[in-house]
Amino acid sequence: MNDASPMPGHATTPAPSDDMARMISRRGALRLGLLATGGLLLAACSPEKLFLGDPPQLYRLSAPEDIAGVPTTGRPWQLSVERPTASAALDTSRVVLQRGRSEIAYFARANWTDRTTGMMQSLMVDAFLNARSHVAVAPASIGLRPDLTLQSELLNFQAQYPNGGGGTPTIRMEVNARLVTMPERRIVAQRRFDISQPATADSTDQVIAAFDAASDRFLQDLVLWAIDTGTSALPAG
């Protein structure tokens, strides 16, 4: 017989119709199109934007360029400025804000160029140098043999919002400073500086400007106090 019959125990697969073949072809093309589009989207996004988002804006504070009332004559002496200590919440490159009495948070897209304690040490050294007094000043890492060392703790350095959480913040800056004789390590003077500086608006730029104004006031008071007190504490030579 010329008619072929299927072998027992084996099923035959019918050939796809023209409509089914066109459907399969369209599905395959759709998958390829989705894969190509996804590849283009990934190629258009850098890894930083894909995983980290836009980088934060960096800000730095500046030391006052001139400090009125600083004595420029007298017996020369040397001052070493140590890096301040601070809590983990404050010792960060992020800009700290506080809502109410206990809630600590950070501005989302604003960072300092350095950790707070490193930035503050640099600002203090710059402020003393800008005073152009009879006191030679350097950071403690230089390894000088100073007459006195300036040690400090940064207790507050944040934008403080009212208890309700809204409104315009006030910058709160609190620093405990002391002058220590070397090499005896005896405290000869100690003072707590407490600065409040209202921001003019609740915007990042205005809050940073208020931080700059608060640190400027603190640095001027610190330099005048340290030079006057240190000069009086050391023996006349």
C-alpha atoms as a PDB file:
ATOM      1  CA  MET A   1       0.000   0.000   0.000  1.00  0.00           C
ATOM      2  CA  ASN A   2       1.196   3.489  -0.788  1.00  0.00           C
ATOM      3  CA  ASP A   3      -0.651   5.142   2.177  1.00  0.00           C
ATOM      4  CA  ALA A   4       1.694   5.558   5.149  1.00  0.00           C
ATOM      5  CA  SER A   5       0.166   4.871   8.543  1.00  0.00           C
ATOM      6  CA  PRO A   6       1.633   5.913  11.902  1.00  0.00           C
ATOM      7  CA  MET A   7       3.624   3.367  13.792  1.00  0.00           C
ATOM      8  CA  PRO A   8       1.939   2.006  16.851  1.00  0.00           C
ATOM      9  CA  GLY A   9       2.912   3.857  20.117  1.00  0.00           C
ATOM     10  CA  HIS A  10       4.169   7.014  18.379  1.00  0.00           C
ATOM     11  CA  ALA A  11       2.132  10.252  18.120  1.00  0.00           C
ATOM     12  CA  THR A  12       2.581  12.546  15.198  1.00  0.00           C
ATOM     13  CA  THR A  13       2.843  16.369  15.622  1.00  0.00           C
ATOM     14  CA  PRO A  14       0.710  18.301  13.204  1.00  0.00           C
ATOM     15  CA  ALA A  15       2.484  20.956  11.197  1.00  0.00           C
ATOM     16  CA  PRO A  16       1.690  24.492  12.399  1.00  0.00           C
ATOM     17  CA  SER A  17      -0.801  26.430  10.397  1.00  0.00           C
ATOM     18  CA  ASP A  18       0.167  29.680   8.658  1.00  0.00           C
ATOM     19  CA  ASP A  19      -1.694  31.730  11.326  1.00  0.00           C
ATOM     20  CA  MET A  20       0.123  29.980  14.162  1.00  0.00           C
ATOM     21  CA  ALA A  21       3.481  30.469  12.480  1.00  0.00           C
ATOM     22  CA  ARG A  22       2.834  34.209  12.076  1.00  0.00           C
ATOM     23  CA  MET A  23       1.846  34.446  15.798  1.00  0.00           C
ATOM     24  CA  ILE A  24       5.047  32.719  16.902  1.00  0.00           C
ATOM     25  CA  SER A  25       7.083  35.020  14.679  1.00  0.00           C
ATOM     26  CA  ARG A  26       5.437  38.143  16.164  1.00  0.00           C
ATOM     27  CA  ARG A  27       6.091  36.929  19.741  1.00  0.00           C
ATOM     28  CA  GLY A  28       9.731  36.357  18.977  1.00  0.00           C
ATOM     29  CA  ALA A  29      10.093  39.788  17.451  1.00  0.00           C
ATOM     30  CA  LEU A  30       8.400  41.352  20.488  1.00  0.00           C
ATOM     31  CA  ARG A  31      10.844  39.630  22.867  1.00  0.00           C
ATOM     32  CA  LEU A  32      13.815  40.802  20.825  1.00  0.00           C
ATOM     33  CA  GLY A  33      12.431  44.338  20.752  1.00  0.00           C
ATOM     34  CA  LEU A  34      12.007  44.431  24.541  1.00  0.00           C
ATOM     35  CA  LEU A  35      15.527  43.115  25.078  1.00  0.00           C
ATOM     36  CA  ALA A  36      16.976  45.699  22.694  1.00  0.00           C
ATOM     37  CA  THR A  37      15.044  48.547  24.367  1.00  0.00           C
ATOM     38  CA  GLY A  38      16.198  47.436  27.802  1.00  0.00           C
ATOM     39  CA  GLY A  39      19.776  47.306  26.578  1.00  0.00           C
ATOM     40  CA  LEU A  40      19.557  50.859  25.253  1.00  0.00           C
ATOM     41  CA  LEU A  41      18.112  52.125  28.546  1.00  0.00           C
ATOM     42  CA  LEU A  42      20.892  50.480  30.556  1.00  0.00           C
ATOM     43  CA  ALA A  43      23.516  51.835  28.184  1.00  0.00           C
ATOM     44  CA  ALA A  44      22.103  55.351  28.551  1.00  0.00           C
ATOM     45  CA  CYS A  45      22.385  55.241  32.368  1.00  0.00           C
ATOM     46  CA  SER A  46      25.807  55.403  33.956  1.00  0.00           C
ATOM     47  CA  PRO A  47      26.398  52.943  36.838  1.00  0.00           C
ATOM     48  CA  GLU A  48      26.484  55.852  39.295  1.00  0.00           C
ATOM     49  CA  LYS A  49      23.040  57.122  38.268  1.00  0.00           C
ATOM     50  CA  LEU A  50      21.627  53.612  38.005  1.00  0.00           C
ATOM     51  CA  PHE A  51      22.577  52.558  41.530  1.00  0.00           C
ATOM     52  CA  LEU A  52      23.401  55.712  43.510  1.00  0.00           C
ATOM     53  CA  GLY A  53      21.336  58.511  42.024  1.00  0.00           C
ATOM     54  CA  ASP A  54      22.623  62.033  41.499  1.00  0.00           C
ATOM     55  CA  PRO A  55      25.632  62.908  43.692  1.00  0.00           C
ATOM     56  CA  PRO A  56      25.049  65.370  46.570  1.00  0.00           C
ATOM     57  CA  GLN A  57      26.057  69.006  46.351  1.00  0.00           C
ATOM     58  CA  LEU A  58      29.294  69.657  48.272  1.00  0.00           C
ATOM     59  CA  TYR A  59      29.676  72.667  50.566  1.00  0.00           C
ATOM     60  CA  ARG A  60      32.578  74.134  52.526  1.00  0.00           C
ATOM     61  CA  LEU A  61      32.764  76.813  55.187  1.00  0.00           C
ATOM     62  CA  SER A  62      35.365  79.566  55.314  1.00  0.00           C
ATOM     63  CA  ALA A  63      37.317  81.132  58.159  1.00  0.00           C
ATOM     64  CA  PRO A  64      36.995  84.890  58.785  1.00  0.00           C
ATOM     65  CA  GLU A  65      39.612  86.793  56.823  1.00  0.00           C
ATOM     66  CA  ASP A  66      40.071  89.489  59.449  1.00  0.00           C
ATOM     67  CA  ILE A  67      39.563  89.444  63.229  1.00  0.00           C
ATOM     68  CA  ALA A  68      39.389  92.829  64.899  1.00  0.00           C
ATOM     69  CA  GLY A  69      41.037  93.368  68.275  1.00  0.00           C
ATOM     70  CA  VAL A  70      43.697  90.656  68.073  1.00  0.00           C
ATOM     71  CA  PRO A  71      47.048  91.773  69.559  1.00  0.00           C
ATOM     72  CA  THR A  72      49.837  91.630  67.013  1.00  0.00           C
ATOM     73  CA  THR A  73      52.756  92.214  69.366  1.00  0.00           C
ATOM     74  CA  GLY A  74      53.977  90.354  72.431  1.00  0.00           C
ATOM     75  CA  ARG A  75      56.179  87.454  73.371  1.00  0.00           C
ATOM     76  CA  PRO A  76      55.925  84.843  70.602  1.00  0.00           C
ATOM     77  CA  TRP A  77      54.563  81.449  71.545  1.00  0.00           C
ATOM     78  CA  GLN A  78      53.329  78.373  69.712  1.00  0.00           C
ATOM     79  CA  LEU A  79      49.830  76.899  69.653  1.00  0.00           C
ATOM     80  CA  SER A  80      48.910  73.430  68.428  1.00  0.00           C
ATOM     81  CA  VAL A  81      45.312  72.828  67.340  1.00  0.00           C
ATOM     82  CA  GLU A  82      44.028  69.298  67.826  1.00  0.00           C
ATOM     83  CA  ARG A  83      41.197  67.811  65.819  1.00  0.00           C
ATOM     84  CA  PRO A  84      37.964  68.214  67.794  1.00  0.00           C
ATOM     85  CA  THR A  85      36.081  65.224  69.103  1.00  0.00           C
ATOM     86  CA  ALA A  86      32.371  64.712  68.393  1.00  0.00           C
ATOM     87  CA  SER A  87      29.656  62.099  68.584  1.00  0.00           C
ATOM     88  CA  ALA A  88      29.192  59.713  65.674  1.00  0.00           C
ATOM     89  CA  ALA A  89      26.013  61.549  64.663  1.00  0.00           C
ATOM     90  CA  LEU A  90      27.955  64.825  64.235  1.00  0.00           C
ATOM     91  CA  ASP A  91      31.312  63.516  63.012  1.00  0.00           C
ATOM     92  CA  THR A  92      30.159  62.990  59.441  1.00  0.00           C
ATOM     93  CA  SER A  93      30.391  64.707  56.072  1.00  0.00           C
ATOM     94  CA  ARG A  94      26.594  64.940  55.972  1.00  0.00           C
ATOM     95  CA  VAL A  95      24.783  68.131  57.006  1.00  0.00           C
ATOM     96  CA  VAL A  96      22.887  67.426  60.215  1.00  0.00           C
ATOM     97  CA  LEU A  97      19.393  68.630  61.020  1.00  0.00           C
ATOM     98  CA  GLN A  98      17.334  68.164  64.172  1.00  0.00           C
ATOM     99  CA  ARG A  99      13.564  68.175  64.536  1.00  0.00           C
ATOM    100  CA  GLY A 100      12.231  68.716  68.025  1.00  0.00           C
ATOM    101  CA  ARG A 101      14.363  67.654  70.966  1.00  0.00           C
ATOM    102  CA  SER A 102      15.628  64.248  69.893  1.00  0.00           C
ATOM    103  CA  GLU A 103      15.135  63.441  66.187  1.00  0.00           C
ATOM    104  CA  ILE A 104      18.404  63.595  64.215  1.00  0.00           C
ATOM    105  CA  ALA A 105      18.395  63.447  60.408  1.00  0.00           C
ATOM    106  CA  TYR A 106      20.479  64.654  57.453  1.00  0.00           C
ATOM    107  CA  PHE A 107      19.868  66.836  54.419  1.00  0.00           C
ATOM    108  CA  ALA A 108      19.343  64.545  51.436  1.00  0.00           C
ATOM    109  CA  ARG A 109      21.466  66.299  48.802  1.00  0.00           C
ATOM    110  CA  ALA A 110      23.996  68.341  50.798  1.00  0.00           C
ATOM    111  CA  ASN A 111      27.403  67.204  52.079  1.00  0.00           C
ATOM    112  CA  TRP A 112      30.425  68.934  53.564  1.00  0.00           C
ATOM    113  CA  THR A 113      33.724  68.499  51.745  1.00  0.00           C
ATOM    114  CA  ASP A 114      35.161  66.760  54.826  1.00  0.00           C
ATOM    115  CA  ARG A 115      33.953  65.181  58.025  1.00  0.00           C
ATOM    116  CA  THR A 116      32.795  67.824  60.476  1.00  0.00           C
ATOM    117  CA  THR A 117      35.725  67.461  62.892  1.00  0.00           C
ATOM    118  CA  GLY A 118      38.327  67.649  60.117  1.00  0.00           C
ATOM    119  CA  MET A 119      36.631  70.668  58.587  1.00  0.00           C
ATOM    120  CA  MET A 120      36.438  72.395  61.988  1.00  0.00           C
ATOM    121  CA  GLN A 121      40.127  71.813  62.725  1.00  0.00           C
ATOM    122  CA  SER A 122      41.069  73.361  59.369  1.00  0.00           C
ATOM    123  CA  LEU A 123      38.782  76.329  60.020  1.00  0.00           C
ATOM    124  CA  MET A 124      40.319  76.965  63.448  1.00  0.00           C
ATOM    125  CA  VAL A 125      43.874  76.857  62.083  1.00  0.00           C
ATOM    126  CA  ASP A 126      42.946  79.180  59.203  1.00  0.00           C
ATOM    127  CA  ALA A 127      41.262  81.630  61.590  1.00  0.00           C
ATOM    128  CA  PHE A 128      44.356  81.856  63.800  1.00  0.00           C
ATOM    129  CA  LEU A 129      46.597  82.313  60.780  1.00  0.00           C
ATOM    130  CA  ASN A 130      44.327  85.014  59.365  1.00  0.00           C
ATOM    131  CA  ALA A 131      44.545  86.899  62.680  1.00  0.00           C
ATOM    132  CA  ARG A 132      48.265  87.575  61.993  1.00  0.00           C
ATOM    133  CA  SER A 133      49.084  87.720  65.687  1.00  0.00           C
ATOM    134  CA  HIS A 134      52.308  86.995  67.579  1.00  0.00           C
ATOM    135  CA  VAL A 135      51.179  83.371  68.052  1.00  0.00           C
ATOM    136  CA  ALA A 136      52.497  80.708  65.695  1.00  0.00           C
ATOM    137  CA  VAL A 137      49.759  78.139  64.960  1.00  0.00           C
ATOM    138  CA  ALA A 138      49.726  74.711  63.317  1.00  0.00           C
ATOM    139  CA  PRO A 139      47.587  71.555  63.409  1.00  0.00           C
ATOM    140  CA  ALA A 140      48.683  68.933  65.919  1.00  0.00           C
ATOM    141  CA  SER A 141      49.579  66.515  63.117  1.00  0.00           C
ATOM    142  CA  ILE A 142      52.572  68.706  62.188  1.00  0.00           C
ATOM    143  CA  GLY A 143      54.380  67.500  65.324  1.00  0.00           C
ATOM    144  CA  LEU A 144      55.504  70.855  66.763  1.00  0.00           C
ATOM    145  CA  ARG A 145      56.625  71.400  70.340  1.00  0.00           C
ATOM    146  CA  PRO A 146      53.943  73.902  71.310  1.00  0.00           C
ATOM    147  CA  ASP A 147      53.646  75.979  74.436  1.00  0.00           C
ATOM    148  CA  LEU A 148      49.896  75.329  74.514  1.00  0.00           C
ATOM    149  CA  THR A 149      47.504  72.934  72.818  1.00  0.00           C
ATOM    150  CA  LEU A 150      43.923  73.785  71.921  1.00  0.00           C
ATOM    151  CA  GLN A 151      41.598  70.844  72.547  1.00  0.00           C
ATOM    152  CA  SER A 152      37.866  70.941  71.847  1.00  0.00           C
ATOM    153  CA  GLU A 153      34.650  68.941  71.721  1.00  0.00           C
ATOM    154  CA  LEU A 154      31.980  69.699  69.153  1.00  0.00           C
ATOM    155  CA  LEU A 155      28.750  69.263  71.116  1.00  0.00           C
ATOM    156  CA  ASN A 156      26.226  70.698  68.650  1.00  0.00           C
ATOM    157  CA  PHE A 157      26.488  71.552  64.972  1.00  0.00           C
ATOM    158  CA  GLN A 158      23.100  71.182  63.332  1.00  0.00           C
ATOM    159  CA  ALA A 159      20.176  72.993  61.755  1.00  0.00           C
ATOM    160  CA  GLN A 160      17.538  72.906  64.479  1.00  0.00           C
ATOM    161  CA  TYR A 161      13.885  73.058  63.449  1.00  0.00           C
ATOM    162  CA  PRO A 162      10.998  74.030  65.748  1.00  0.00           C
ATOM    163  CA  ASN A 163       9.203  71.289  67.656  1.00  0.00           C
ATOM    164  CA  GLY A 164       6.576  70.978  64.925  1.00  0.00           C
ATOM    165  CA  GLY A 165       9.259  70.131  62.383  1.00  0.00           C
ATOM    166  CA  GLY A 166       8.444  72.939  59.936  1.00  0.00           C
ATOM    167  CA  GLY A 167       9.396  76.572  59.608  1.00  0.00           C
ATOM    168  CA  THR A 168      12.834  78.141  59.308  1.00  0.00           C
ATOM    169  CA  PRO A 169      15.699  76.444  61.193  1.00  0.00           C
ATOM    170  CA  THR A 170      18.264  77.960  63.532  1.00  0.00           C
ATOM    171  CA  ILE A 171      21.872  76.783  63.426  1.00  0.00           C
ATOM    172  CA  ARG A 172      23.001  75.573  66.840  1.00  0.00           C
ATOM    173  CA  MET A 173      26.769  75.410  67.362  1.00  0.00           C
ATOM    174  CA  GLU A 174      28.212  74.477  70.743  1.00  0.00           C
ATOM    175  CA  VAL A 175      31.911  73.884  71.355  1.00  0.00           C
ATOM    176  CA  ASN A 176      33.796  73.193  74.564  1.00  0.00           C
ATOM    177  CA  ALA A 177      37.408  74.445  74.243  1.00  0.00           C
ATOM    178  CA  ARG A 178      40.382  74.300  76.583  1.00  0.00           C
ATOM    179  CA  LEU A 179      44.018  75.373  76.541  1.00  0.00           C
ATOM    180  CA  VAL A 180      46.473  72.788  77.821  1.00  0.00           C
ATOM    181  CA  THR A 181      50.121  73.383  78.707  1.00  0.00           C
ATOM    182  CA  MET A 182      52.675  71.148  77.060  1.00  0.00           C
ATOM    183  CA  PRO A 183      54.321  68.858  77.954  1.00  0.00           C
ATOM    184  CA  GLU A 184      52.693  68.931  81.426  1.00  0.00           C
ATOM    185  CA  ARG A 185      49.165  68.606  79.964  1.00  0.00           C
ATOM    186  CA  ARG A 186      47.695  70.921  82.555  1.00  0.00           C
ATOM    187  CA  ILE A 187      44.488  72.784  81.725  1.00  0.00           C
ATOM    188  CA  VAL A 188      45.048  76.511  82.140  1.00  0.00           C
ATOM    189  CA  ALA A 189      41.751  77.780  80.701  1.00  0.00           C
ATOM    190  CA  GLN A 190      38.433  76.408  79.512  1.00  0.00           C
ATOM    191  CA  ARG A 191      35.375  77.947  77.877  1.00  0.00           C
ATOM    192  CA  ARG A 192      32.126  76.795  76.297  1.00  0.00           C
ATOM    193  CA  PHE A 193      30.987  78.633  73.156  1.00  0.00           C
ATOM    194  CA  ASP A 194      27.277  78.494  72.332  1.00  0.00           C
ATOM    195  CA  ILE A 195      26.131  80.083  69.068  1.00  0.00           C
ATOM    196  CA  SER A 196      22.588  80.350  67.647  1.00  0.00           C
ATOM    197  CA  GLN A 197      22.250  81.668  64.102  1.00  0.00           C
ATOM    198  CA  PRO A 198      18.801  81.811  62.444  1.00  0.00           C
ATOM    199  CA  ALA A 199      18.591  80.976  58.749  1.00  0.00           C
ATOM    200  CA  THR A 200      16.802  83.509  56.575  1.00  0.00           C
ATOM    201  CA  ALA A 201      14.840  80.803  54.702  1.00  0.00           C
ATOM    202  CA  ASP A 202      14.248  77.073  54.745  1.00  0.00           C
ATOM    203  CA  SER A 203      16.374  76.317  51.693  1.00  0.00           C
ATOM    204  CA  THR A 204      19.656  74.442  51.440  1.00  0.00           C
ATOM    205  CA  ASP A 205      21.663  77.478  50.311  1.00  0.00           C
ATOM    206  CA  GLN A 206      20.302  79.677  53.108  1.00  0.00           C
ATOM    207  CA  VAL A 207      20.858  76.985  55.726  1.00  0.00           C
ATOM    208  CA  ILE A 208      24.490  76.601  54.590  1.00  0.00           C
ATOM    209  CA  ALA A 209      24.886  80.385  54.723  1.00  0.00           C
ATOM    210  CA  ALA A 210      23.635  80.305  58.324  1.00  0.00           C
ATOM    211  CA  PHE A 211      26.156  77.547  59.150  1.00  0.00           C
ATOM    212  CA  ASP A 212      28.883  79.788  57.702  1.00  0.00           C
ATOM    213  CA  ALA A 213      27.732  82.777  59.774  1.00  0.00           C
ATOM    214  CA  ALA A 214      27.583  80.688  62.964  1.00  0.00           C
ATOM    215  CA  SER A 215      31.067  79.256  62.468  1.00  0.00           C
ATOM    216  CA  ASP A 216      32.400  82.744  61.660  1.00  0.00           C
ATOM    217  CA  ARG A 217      31.078  84.089  64.971  1.00  0.00           C
ATOM    218  CA  PHE A 218      32.504  81.130  66.861  1.00  0.00           C
ATOM    219  CA  LEU A 219      35.941  81.396  65.248  1.00  0.00           C
ATOM    220  CA  GLN A 220      36.258  85.105  65.998  1.00  0.00           C
ATOM    221  CA  ASP A 221      35.362  84.557  69.658  1.00  0.00           C
ATOM    222  CA  LEU A 222      37.679  81.539  69.896  1.00  0.00           C
ATOM    223  CA  VAL A 223      40.717  83.305  68.440  1.00  0.00           C
ATOM    224  CA  LEU A 224      40.346  86.369  70.667  1.00  0.00           C
ATOM    225  CA  TRP A 225      39.861  84.238  73.778  1.00  0.00           C
ATOM    226  CA  ALA A 226      42.685  81.781  73.068  1.00  0.00           C
ATOM    227  CA  ILE A 227      45.315  84.391  72.218  1.00  0.00           C
ATOM    228  CA  ASP A 228      44.445  86.673  75.115  1.00  0.00           C
ATOM    229  CA  THR A 229      44.110  83.868  77.673  1.00  0.00           C
ATOM    230  CA  GLY A 230      47.112  81.921  76.419  1.00  0.00           C
ATOM    231  CA  THR A 231      49.375  84.952  76.467  1.00  0.00           C
ATOM    232  CA  SER A 232      48.339  85.742  80.053  1.00  0.00           C
ATOM    233  CA  ALA A 233      48.789  82.123  81.196  1.00  0.00           C
ATOM    234  CA  LEU A 234      52.332  81.710  79.924  1.00  0.00           C
ATOM    235  CA  PRO A 235      55.244  83.131  81.944  1.00  0.00           C
ATOM    236  CA  ALA A 236      56.653  86.400  80.671  1.00  0.00           C
ATOM    237  CA  GLY A 237      59.810  85.794  78.887  1.00  0.00           C
END
